[in-house]
Amino acid sequence: MNAHPQFAEALALYAMGALDDHRDLSALEAHLGTCGDCRRELEALRADTALLALSATGPQPPARSRQRLLNAVAAEPRVERRNPERYALGRLRRRWVTIAPVMMMLILAVFSILLWRDLRNARQALRHTHAQLEQIQADLARTNTELAEAKMVRDLLHAPDAWPLTLVSKKTPPQPQIKTVYSKQQGALLLMASNLTPLPEDKIYQLWLLPADGGAPMSAGWFKADSKGNGMMFHKMSAGVIAKGFAVTVENAGGSQTPTMPIVMEPAS
């Protein structure tokens, strides 16, 4: 019984039918199912126990059998009985020490994947928010520009020196018309055209300011008419220029530095 001393006392009690602790009983029976040495030892102990039982009621058993059982019990080392559950727990703890690093690596890997996914989603949301913010800023800038232009048109129309002038075609009616509103103080001009002849893609209408001091005509912007002959233009130029009139010529796309004859629109007589 030197191989499994932890079951020595339990094996002797089991042979005599005196093993009352159900935990020790379950552990021993489970061990007997896998250990041939302990099963052979159990059979020997049972034989000796039977001889002792016979000695109480029948003929005296051989002294050597009784002494053999007593010697077997006395010879077995006294070891602290271990709780099977604690023994199993000890094995479980040793196994846990072995697999714990692997489990920690798996947990860290899963945590890293989840963290990377959250970071990726956050970056995508941030890019989307940034794009929305840029669009809002662009819309706000466009709105501010439109408001500023509307304010300049309003100021021009209400300027004390605003000079409304209608330009008509020199040819037969129905005559195209161009109405202009000019302010010398603000250096701004508003043009509204109707019934004009639409031009090819490479041509534009260009407006010229005719200075009152007899200087060379000054470009006051260019425009195109739509399919119905209508057009509008707001032009900002140097303030303080006194105009004696305006004229319109047809120029190549992009405008010209000097008027190209003939003049197609001029002030009405």
C-alpha atoms as a PDB file:
ATOM      1  CA  MET A   1       0.000   0.000   0.000  1.00  0.00           C
ATOM      2  CA  ASN A   2       2.997   2.224  -0.397  1.00  0.00           C
ATOM      3  CA  ALA A   3       1.762   3.668  -3.723  1.00  0.00           C
ATOM      4  CA  HIS A   4      -1.405   5.347  -2.354  1.00  0.00           C
ATOM      5  CA  PRO A   5      -0.947   5.986   1.388  1.00  0.00           C
ATOM      6  CA  GLN A   6      -3.724   8.579   1.426  1.00  0.00           C
ATOM      7  CA  PHE A   7      -6.308   5.770   1.102  1.00  0.00           C
ATOM      8  CA  ALA A   8      -4.731   3.378   3.667  1.00  0.00           C
ATOM      9  CA  GLU A   9      -6.981   4.092   6.609  1.00  0.00           C
ATOM     10  CA  ALA A  10     -10.092   4.430   4.445  1.00  0.00           C
ATOM     11  CA  LEU A  11      -9.304   1.094   2.732  1.00  0.00           C
ATOM     12  CA  ALA A  12      -9.042  -0.751   6.062  1.00  0.00           C
ATOM     13  CA  LEU A  13     -12.310   0.734   7.306  1.00  0.00           C
ATOM     14  CA  TYR A  14     -13.958  -0.044   3.972  1.00  0.00           C
ATOM     15  CA  ALA A  15     -12.898  -3.713   4.250  1.00  0.00           C
ATOM     16  CA  MET A  16     -14.575  -3.870   7.646  1.00  0.00           C
ATOM     17  CA  GLY A  17     -17.704  -1.994   6.429  1.00  0.00           C
ATOM     18  CA  ALA A  18     -17.006   0.836   8.856  1.00  0.00           C
ATOM     19  CA  LEU A  19     -16.302   3.731   6.428  1.00  0.00           C
ATOM     20  CA  ASP A  20     -19.154   6.099   7.340  1.00  0.00           C
ATOM     21  CA  ASP A  21     -17.968   9.366   5.780  1.00  0.00           C
ATOM     22  CA  HIS A  22     -19.779   9.499   2.436  1.00  0.00           C
ATOM     23  CA  ARG A  23     -17.171  11.820   0.915  1.00  0.00           C
ATOM     24  CA  ASP A  24     -14.303   9.436   1.810  1.00  0.00           C
ATOM     25  CA  LEU A  25     -16.449   6.515   0.617  1.00  0.00           C
ATOM     26  CA  SER A  26     -17.130   8.124  -2.780  1.00  0.00           C
ATOM     27  CA  ALA A  27     -13.488   9.075  -3.249  1.00  0.00           C
ATOM     28  CA  LEU A  28     -12.259   5.565  -2.345  1.00  0.00           C
ATOM     29  CA  GLU A  29     -14.738   3.773  -4.604  1.00  0.00           C
ATOM     30  CA  ALA A  30     -13.783   6.033  -7.468  1.00  0.00           C
ATOM     31  CA  HIS A  31     -10.118   5.263  -6.834  1.00  0.00           C
ATOM     32  CA  LEU A  32     -10.715   1.526  -6.640  1.00  0.00           C
ATOM     33  CA  GLY A  33     -12.234   1.662 -10.099  1.00  0.00           C
ATOM     34  CA  THR A  34      -8.871   2.754 -11.531  1.00  0.00           C
ATOM     35  CA  CYS A  35      -6.267   1.157  -9.219  1.00  0.00           C
ATOM     36  CA  GLY A  36      -5.588  -2.602  -9.349  1.00  0.00           C
ATOM     37  CA  ASP A  37      -3.110  -2.517  -6.452  1.00  0.00           C
ATOM     38  CA  CYS A  38      -5.672  -1.081  -4.076  1.00  0.00           C
ATOM     39  CA  ARG A  39      -8.285  -3.596  -5.204  1.00  0.00           C
ATOM     40  CA  ARG A  40      -5.906  -6.473  -4.445  1.00  0.00           C
ATOM     41  CA  GLU A  41      -5.095  -4.936  -1.091  1.00  0.00           C
ATOM     42  CA  LEU A  42      -8.823  -4.630  -0.379  1.00  0.00           C
ATOM     43  CA  GLU A  43      -9.378  -8.322  -1.132  1.00  0.00           C
ATOM     44  CA  ALA A  44      -6.570  -9.293   1.238  1.00  0.00           C
ATOM     45  CA  LEU A  45      -7.981  -7.057   3.988  1.00  0.00           C
ATOM     46  CA  ARG A  46     -11.465  -8.491   3.463  1.00  0.00           C
ATOM     47  CA  ALA A  47     -10.100 -12.043   3.814  1.00  0.00           C
ATOM     48  CA  ASP A  48      -8.387 -11.160   7.054  1.00  0.00           C
ATOM     49  CA  THR A  49     -11.527  -9.358   8.295  1.00  0.00           C
ATOM     50  CA  ALA A  50     -13.603 -12.479   7.594  1.00  0.00           C
ATOM     51  CA  LEU A  51     -11.213 -14.586   9.633  1.00  0.00           C
ATOM     52  CA  LEU A  52     -11.496 -12.136  12.518  1.00  0.00           C
ATOM     53  CA  ALA A  53     -15.286 -12.293  12.346  1.00  0.00           C
ATOM     54  CA  LEU A  54     -15.196 -16.060  12.550  1.00  0.00           C
ATOM     55  CA  SER A  55     -13.025 -15.890  15.640  1.00  0.00           C
ATOM     56  CA  ALA A  56     -15.843 -14.314  17.651  1.00  0.00           C
ATOM     57  CA  THR A  57     -18.330 -17.181  17.162  1.00  0.00           C
ATOM     58  CA  GLY A  58     -16.485 -20.133  15.777  1.00  0.00           C
ATOM     59  CA  PRO A  59     -13.201 -21.768  15.996  1.00  0.00           C
ATOM     60  CA  GLN A  60     -10.222 -19.623  16.731  1.00  0.00           C
ATOM     61  CA  PRO A  61      -8.720 -18.386  13.412  1.00  0.00           C
ATOM     62  CA  PRO A  62      -5.072 -18.857  12.854  1.00  0.00           C
ATOM     63  CA  ALA A  63      -3.063 -16.398  14.912  1.00  0.00           C
ATOM     64  CA  ARG A  64      -1.113 -15.428  11.842  1.00  0.00           C
ATOM     65  CA  SER A  65      -4.258 -14.130  10.074  1.00  0.00           C
ATOM     66  CA  ARG A  66      -5.329 -11.963  13.006  1.00  0.00           C
ATOM     67  CA  GLN A  67      -1.840 -10.644  13.487  1.00  0.00           C
ATOM     68  CA  ARG A  68      -1.562  -9.933   9.743  1.00  0.00           C
ATOM     69  CA  LEU A  69      -4.613  -7.677   9.778  1.00  0.00           C
ATOM     70  CA  LEU A  70      -3.485  -5.849  12.910  1.00  0.00           C
ATOM     71  CA  ASN A  71      -0.016  -5.392  11.474  1.00  0.00           C
ATOM     72  CA  ALA A  72      -1.474  -4.083   8.210  1.00  0.00           C
ATOM     73  CA  VAL A  73      -3.531  -1.496  10.024  1.00  0.00           C
ATOM     74  CA  ALA A  74      -0.665  -0.514  12.302  1.00  0.00           C
ATOM     75  CA  ALA A  75       1.819  -0.356   9.439  1.00  0.00           C
ATOM     76  CA  GLU A  76      -0.218   2.015   7.357  1.00  0.00           C
ATOM     77  CA  PRO A  77       1.124   5.577   7.734  1.00  0.00           C
ATOM     78  CA  ARG A  78      -1.147   8.015   9.496  1.00  0.00           C
ATOM     79  CA  VAL A  79      -1.800  10.715   6.963  1.00  0.00           C
ATOM     80  CA  GLU A  80      -4.210  13.542   7.273  1.00  0.00           C
ATOM     81  CA  ARG A  81      -7.428  12.644   5.537  1.00  0.00           C
ATOM     82  CA  ARG A  82      -7.910  14.950   2.659  1.00  0.00           C
ATOM     83  CA  ASN A  83     -11.207  16.188   1.556  1.00  0.00           C
ATOM     84  CA  PRO A  84     -11.835  14.792  -1.962  1.00  0.00           C
ATOM     85  CA  GLU A  85     -13.358  18.052  -2.938  1.00  0.00           C
ATOM     86  CA  ARG A  86     -10.287  19.917  -1.735  1.00  0.00           C
ATOM     87  CA  TYR A  87      -8.079  17.456  -3.603  1.00  0.00           C
ATOM     88  CA  ALA A  88     -10.047  17.990  -6.786  1.00  0.00           C
ATOM     89  CA  LEU A  89      -9.928  21.717  -6.213  1.00  0.00           C
ATOM     90  CA  GLY A  90      -6.159  21.513  -5.872  1.00  0.00           C
ATOM     91  CA  ARG A  91      -5.898  19.813  -9.238  1.00  0.00           C
ATOM     92  CA  LEU A  92      -8.235  22.378 -10.703  1.00  0.00           C
ATOM     93  CA  ARG A  93      -6.091  25.173  -9.343  1.00  0.00           C
ATOM     94  CA  ARG A  94      -2.951  23.698 -10.884  1.00  0.00           C
ATOM     95  CA  ARG A  95      -4.742  23.418 -14.233  1.00  0.00           C
ATOM     96  CA  TRP A  96      -5.960  27.005 -13.885  1.00  0.00           C
ATOM     97  CA  VAL A  97      -2.420  28.213 -13.300  1.00  0.00           C
ATOM     98  CA  THR A  98      -1.480  26.554 -16.606  1.00  0.00           C
ATOM     99  CA  ILE A  99      -4.308  27.962 -18.748  1.00  0.00           C
ATOM    100  CA  ALA A 100      -4.648  31.342 -17.035  1.00  0.00           C
ATOM    101  CA  PRO A 101      -2.083  33.111 -19.305  1.00  0.00           C
ATOM    102  CA  VAL A 102      -3.822  31.775 -22.417  1.00  0.00           C
ATOM    103  CA  MET A 103      -7.200  32.937 -21.141  1.00  0.00           C
ATOM    104  CA  MET A 104      -5.809  36.378 -20.338  1.00  0.00           C
ATOM    105  CA  MET A 105      -4.356  36.643 -23.853  1.00  0.00           C
ATOM    106  CA  LEU A 106      -7.709  35.711 -25.373  1.00  0.00           C
ATOM    107  CA  ILE A 107      -9.527  38.246 -23.184  1.00  0.00           C
ATOM    108  CA  LEU A 108      -7.036  40.965 -24.114  1.00  0.00           C
ATOM    109  CA  ALA A 109      -7.383  40.098 -27.813  1.00  0.00           C
ATOM    110  CA  VAL A 110     -11.187  40.323 -27.658  1.00  0.00           C
ATOM    111  CA  PHE A 111     -10.974  43.576 -25.715  1.00  0.00           C
ATOM    112  CA  SER A 112      -8.518  45.006 -28.265  1.00  0.00           C
ATOM    113  CA  ILE A 113     -10.821  44.072 -31.179  1.00  0.00           C
ATOM    114  CA  LEU A 114     -13.809  45.696 -29.488  1.00  0.00           C
ATOM    115  CA  LEU A 115     -11.767  48.806 -28.682  1.00  0.00           C
ATOM    116  CA  TRP A 116     -10.501  49.043 -32.278  1.00  0.00           C
ATOM    117  CA  ARG A 117     -14.051  48.704 -33.626  1.00  0.00           C
ATOM    118  CA  ASP A 118     -15.340  51.457 -31.332  1.00  0.00           C
ATOM    119  CA  LEU A 119     -12.426  53.696 -32.341  1.00  0.00           C
ATOM    120  CA  ARG A 120     -13.114  53.078 -36.041  1.00  0.00           C
ATOM    121  CA  ASN A 121     -16.819  53.909 -35.611  1.00  0.00           C
ATOM    122  CA  ALA A 122     -15.926  57.047 -33.658  1.00  0.00           C
ATOM    123  CA  ARG A 123     -13.547  58.187 -36.426  1.00  0.00           C
ATOM    124  CA  GLN A 124     -16.203  57.590 -39.092  1.00  0.00           C
ATOM    125  CA  ALA A 125     -18.765  59.538 -37.063  1.00  0.00           C
ATOM    126  CA  LEU A 126     -16.227  62.347 -36.577  1.00  0.00           C
ATOM    127  CA  ARG A 127     -15.492  62.516 -40.322  1.00  0.00           C
ATOM    128  CA  HIS A 128     -19.227  62.579 -41.057  1.00  0.00           C
ATOM    129  CA  THR A 129     -19.762  65.340 -38.487  1.00  0.00           C
ATOM    130  CA  HIS A 130     -16.814  67.296 -39.913  1.00  0.00           C
ATOM    131  CA  ALA A 131     -18.273  67.048 -43.434  1.00  0.00           C
ATOM    132  CA  GLN A 132     -21.650  68.244 -42.160  1.00  0.00           C
ATOM    133  CA  LEU A 133     -19.968  71.159 -40.372  1.00  0.00           C
ATOM    134  CA  GLU A 134     -18.113  72.157 -43.546  1.00  0.00           C
ATOM    135  CA  GLN A 135     -21.383  72.055 -45.501  1.00  0.00           C
ATOM    136  CA  ILE A 136     -23.099  74.206 -42.871  1.00  0.00           C
ATOM    137  CA  GLN A 137     -20.216  76.704 -42.966  1.00  0.00           C
ATOM    138  CA  ALA A 138     -20.371  76.827 -46.780  1.00  0.00           C
ATOM    139  CA  ASP A 139     -24.145  77.392 -46.690  1.00  0.00           C
ATOM    140  CA  LEU A 140     -23.698  80.104 -44.064  1.00  0.00           C
ATOM    141  CA  ALA A 141     -21.009  81.846 -46.124  1.00  0.00           C
ATOM    142  CA  ARG A 142     -23.211  81.718 -49.239  1.00  0.00           C
ATOM    143  CA  THR A 143     -26.167  83.086 -47.276  1.00  0.00           C
ATOM    144  CA  ASN A 144     -24.034  85.903 -45.856  1.00  0.00           C
ATOM    145  CA  THR A 145     -22.852  86.777 -49.380  1.00  0.00           C
ATOM    146  CA  GLU A 146     -26.407  86.838 -50.689  1.00  0.00           C
ATOM    147  CA  LEU A 147     -27.522  89.005 -47.765  1.00  0.00           C
ATOM    148  CA  ALA A 148     -24.637  91.390 -48.354  1.00  0.00           C
ATOM    149  CA  GLU A 149     -25.504  91.693 -52.051  1.00  0.00           C
ATOM    150  CA  ALA A 150     -29.193  92.208 -51.237  1.00  0.00           C
ATOM    151  CA  LYS A 151     -28.219  94.975 -48.801  1.00  0.00           C
ATOM    152  CA  MET A 152     -26.081  96.672 -51.474  1.00  0.00           C
ATOM    153  CA  VAL A 153     -28.978  96.504 -53.974  1.00  0.00           C
ATOM    154  CA  ARG A 154     -31.315  97.975 -51.361  1.00  0.00           C
ATOM    155  CA  ASP A 155     -28.839 100.755 -50.526  1.00  0.00           C
ATOM    156  CA  LEU A 156     -28.414 101.537 -54.234  1.00  0.00           C
ATOM    157  CA  LEU A 157     -32.135 101.759 -54.888  1.00  0.00           C
ATOM    158  CA  HIS A 158     -32.581 104.096 -51.885  1.00  0.00           C
ATOM    159  CA  ALA A 159     -29.491 106.214 -52.487  1.00  0.00           C
ATOM    160  CA  PRO A 160     -30.316 109.954 -52.688  1.00  0.00           C
ATOM    161  CA  ASP A 161     -28.434 110.288 -55.968  1.00  0.00           C
ATOM    162  CA  ALA A 162     -29.708 107.089 -57.558  1.00  0.00           C
ATOM    163  CA  TRP A 163     -30.145 107.732 -61.276  1.00  0.00           C
ATOM    164  CA  PRO A 164     -32.625 105.448 -63.021  1.00  0.00           C
ATOM    165  CA  LEU A 165     -32.075 105.333 -66.785  1.00  0.00           C
ATOM    166  CA  THR A 166     -33.731 103.211 -69.454  1.00  0.00           C
ATOM    167  CA  LEU A 167     -31.785 102.114 -72.521  1.00  0.00           C
ATOM    168  CA  VAL A 168     -33.704 101.193 -75.654  1.00  0.00           C
ATOM    169  CA  SER A 169     -32.774  99.597 -78.950  1.00  0.00           C
ATOM    170  CA  LYS A 170     -32.067 101.835 -81.903  1.00  0.00           C
ATOM    171  CA  LYS A 171     -34.108  99.531 -84.132  1.00  0.00           C
ATOM    172  CA  THR A 172     -37.843  99.023 -84.614  1.00  0.00           C
ATOM    173  CA  PRO A 173     -40.152  97.952 -81.708  1.00  0.00           C
ATOM    174  CA  PRO A 174     -40.716  95.867 -79.749  1.00  0.00           C
ATOM    175  CA  GLN A 175     -37.562  97.316 -78.463  1.00  0.00           C
ATOM    176  CA  PRO A 176     -35.288  95.608 -75.984  1.00  0.00           C
ATOM    177  CA  GLN A 177     -34.890  97.578 -72.797  1.00  0.00           C
ATOM    178  CA  ILE A 178     -32.174  97.953 -70.199  1.00  0.00           C
ATOM    179  CA  LYS A 179     -32.860  99.829 -66.987  1.00  0.00           C
ATOM    180  CA  THR A 180     -29.934 100.961 -64.868  1.00  0.00           C
ATOM    181  CA  VAL A 181     -29.731 102.461 -61.393  1.00  0.00           C
ATOM    182  CA  TYR A 182     -26.368 104.113 -60.621  1.00  0.00           C
ATOM    183  CA  SER A 183     -25.000 105.755 -57.453  1.00  0.00           C
ATOM    184  CA  LYS A 184     -21.834 107.865 -57.711  1.00  0.00           C
ATOM    185  CA  GLN A 185     -21.377 107.900 -53.913  1.00  0.00           C
ATOM    186  CA  GLN A 186     -21.538 104.116 -53.562  1.00  0.00           C
ATOM    187  CA  GLY A 187     -19.886 103.357 -56.854  1.00  0.00           C
ATOM    188  CA  ALA A 188     -22.529 100.738 -57.558  1.00  0.00           C
ATOM    189  CA  LEU A 189     -24.806  99.993 -60.490  1.00  0.00           C
ATOM    190  CA  LEU A 190     -27.846  97.759 -60.938  1.00  0.00           C
ATOM    191  CA  LEU A 191     -28.913  96.646 -64.436  1.00  0.00           C
ATOM    192  CA  MET A 192     -32.208  94.961 -65.397  1.00  0.00           C
ATOM    193  CA  ALA A 193     -32.669  93.897 -69.039  1.00  0.00           C
ATOM    194  CA  SER A 194     -35.702  92.618 -70.973  1.00  0.00           C
ATOM    195  CA  ASN A 195     -36.504  91.609 -74.558  1.00  0.00           C
ATOM    196  CA  LEU A 196     -32.845  91.281 -75.477  1.00  0.00           C
ATOM    197  CA  THR A 197     -31.727  89.000 -78.280  1.00  0.00           C
ATOM    198  CA  PRO A 198     -30.036  85.904 -76.814  1.00  0.00           C
ATOM    199  CA  LEU A 199     -26.393  85.671 -77.835  1.00  0.00           C
ATOM    200  CA  PRO A 200     -24.195  82.705 -78.801  1.00  0.00           C
ATOM    201  CA  GLU A 201     -22.207  80.998 -76.065  1.00  0.00           C
ATOM    202  CA  ASP A 202     -19.027  82.885 -76.978  1.00  0.00           C
ATOM    203  CA  LYS A 203     -20.657  86.332 -76.824  1.00  0.00           C
ATOM    204  CA  ILE A 204     -21.813  88.590 -73.977  1.00  0.00           C
ATOM    205  CA  TYR A 205     -23.421  91.990 -73.469  1.00  0.00           C
ATOM    206  CA  GLN A 206     -21.004  94.509 -71.890  1.00  0.00           C
ATOM    207  CA  LEU A 207     -22.110  97.750 -70.204  1.00  0.00           C
ATOM    208  CA  TRP A 208     -19.970 100.884 -70.485  1.00  0.00           C
ATOM    209  CA  LEU A 209     -20.055 103.979 -68.257  1.00  0.00           C
ATOM    210  CA  LEU A 210     -19.505 107.172 -70.199  1.00  0.00           C
ATOM    211  CA  PRO A 211     -17.694 109.626 -67.871  1.00  0.00           C
ATOM    212  CA  ALA A 212     -19.048 113.172 -67.667  1.00  0.00           C
ATOM    213  CA  ASP A 213     -15.533 114.593 -68.052  1.00  0.00           C
ATOM    214  CA  GLY A 214     -15.288 113.125 -71.541  1.00  0.00           C
ATOM    215  CA  GLY A 215     -12.854 110.399 -70.548  1.00  0.00           C
ATOM    216  CA  ALA A 216     -12.682 106.976 -72.178  1.00  0.00           C
ATOM    217  CA  PRO A 217     -15.634 104.618 -71.595  1.00  0.00           C
ATOM    218  CA  MET A 218     -15.257 102.524 -68.446  1.00  0.00           C
ATOM    219  CA  SER A 219     -16.390  98.908 -68.244  1.00  0.00           C
ATOM    220  CA  ALA A 220     -19.322  98.559 -65.858  1.00  0.00           C
ATOM    221  CA  GLY A 221     -19.643  94.767 -66.071  1.00  0.00           C
ATOM    222  CA  TRP A 222     -21.020  92.226 -68.487  1.00  0.00           C
ATOM    223  CA  PHE A 223     -24.034  89.900 -68.585  1.00  0.00           C
ATOM    224  CA  LYS A 224     -25.960  87.410 -70.712  1.00  0.00           C
ATOM    225  CA  ALA A 225     -29.671  87.284 -71.462  1.00  0.00           C
ATOM    226  CA  ASP A 226     -31.717  84.151 -70.897  1.00  0.00           C
ATOM    227  CA  SER A 227     -33.886  82.457 -73.514  1.00  0.00           C
ATOM    228  CA  LYS A 228     -36.596  85.076 -72.961  1.00  0.00           C
ATOM    229  CA  GLY A 229     -34.174  87.959 -73.363  1.00  0.00           C
ATOM    230  CA  ASN A 230     -34.097  88.887 -69.665  1.00  0.00           C
ATOM    231  CA  GLY A 231     -31.013  89.564 -67.578  1.00  0.00           C
ATOM    232  CA  MET A 232     -29.828  91.232 -64.358  1.00  0.00           C
ATOM    233  CA  MET A 233     -26.448  92.457 -63.133  1.00  0.00           C
ATOM    234  CA  PHE A 234     -25.107  94.195 -60.043  1.00  0.00           C
ATOM    235  CA  HIS A 235     -21.695  95.808 -60.521  1.00  0.00           C
ATOM    236  CA  LYS A 236     -19.370  97.509 -58.041  1.00  0.00           C
ATOM    237  CA  MET A 237     -16.877 100.066 -59.371  1.00  0.00           C
ATOM    238  CA  SER A 238     -14.833 103.043 -58.198  1.00  0.00           C
ATOM    239  CA  ALA A 239     -16.881 105.551 -56.215  1.00  0.00           C
ATOM    240  CA  GLY A 240     -17.004 109.207 -57.213  1.00  0.00           C
ATOM    241  CA  VAL A 241     -17.177 108.635 -60.951  1.00  0.00           C
ATOM    242  CA  ILE A 242     -19.677 111.022 -62.520  1.00  0.00           C
ATOM    243  CA  ALA A 243     -21.492 109.432 -65.473  1.00  0.00           C
ATOM    244  CA  LYS A 244     -23.175 111.225 -68.344  1.00  0.00           C
ATOM    245  CA  GLY A 245     -24.607 108.024 -69.743  1.00  0.00           C
ATOM    246  CA  PHE A 246     -24.245 104.306 -70.408  1.00  0.00           C
ATOM    247  CA  ALA A 247     -23.948 102.185 -73.535  1.00  0.00           C
ATOM    248  CA  VAL A 248     -24.040  98.479 -74.358  1.00  0.00           C
ATOM    249  CA  THR A 249     -21.929  96.560 -76.878  1.00  0.00           C
ATOM    250  CA  VAL A 250     -21.639  92.899 -77.834  1.00  0.00           C
ATOM    251  CA  GLU A 251     -18.220  91.465 -76.918  1.00  0.00           C
ATOM    252  CA  ASN A 252     -16.472  88.130 -76.842  1.00  0.00           C
ATOM    253  CA  ALA A 253     -16.915  85.999 -73.733  1.00  0.00           C
ATOM    254  CA  GLY A 254     -14.836  87.381 -70.877  1.00  0.00           C
ATOM    255  CA  GLY A 255     -15.337  91.027 -71.821  1.00  0.00           C
ATOM    256  CA  SER A 256     -13.215  93.651 -73.503  1.00  0.00           C
ATOM    257  CA  GLN A 257     -11.024  96.558 -72.376  1.00  0.00           C
ATOM    258  CA  THR A 258     -12.544  98.919 -74.975  1.00  0.00           C
ATOM    259  CA  PRO A 259     -15.963  98.966 -76.622  1.00  0.00           C
ATOM    260  CA  THR A 260     -16.355  97.054 -79.887  1.00  0.00           C
ATOM    261  CA  MET A 261     -18.540  98.948 -82.307  1.00  0.00           C
ATOM    262  CA  PRO A 262     -21.347  99.176 -82.999  1.00  0.00           C
ATOM    263  CA  ILE A 263     -23.179 100.283 -79.863  1.00  0.00           C
ATOM    264  CA  VAL A 264     -26.340  98.199 -79.613  1.00  0.00           C
ATOM    265  CA  MET A 265     -27.968  99.951 -76.635  1.00  0.00           C
ATOM    266  CA  GLU A 266     -27.725 103.587 -75.527  1.00  0.00           C
ATOM    267  CA  PRO A 267     -29.756 106.059 -73.433  1.00  0.00           C
ATOM    268  CA  ALA A 268     -33.169 107.035 -74.811  1.00  0.00           C
ATOM    269  CA  SER A 269     -33.355 110.478 -76.410  1.00  0.00           C
END
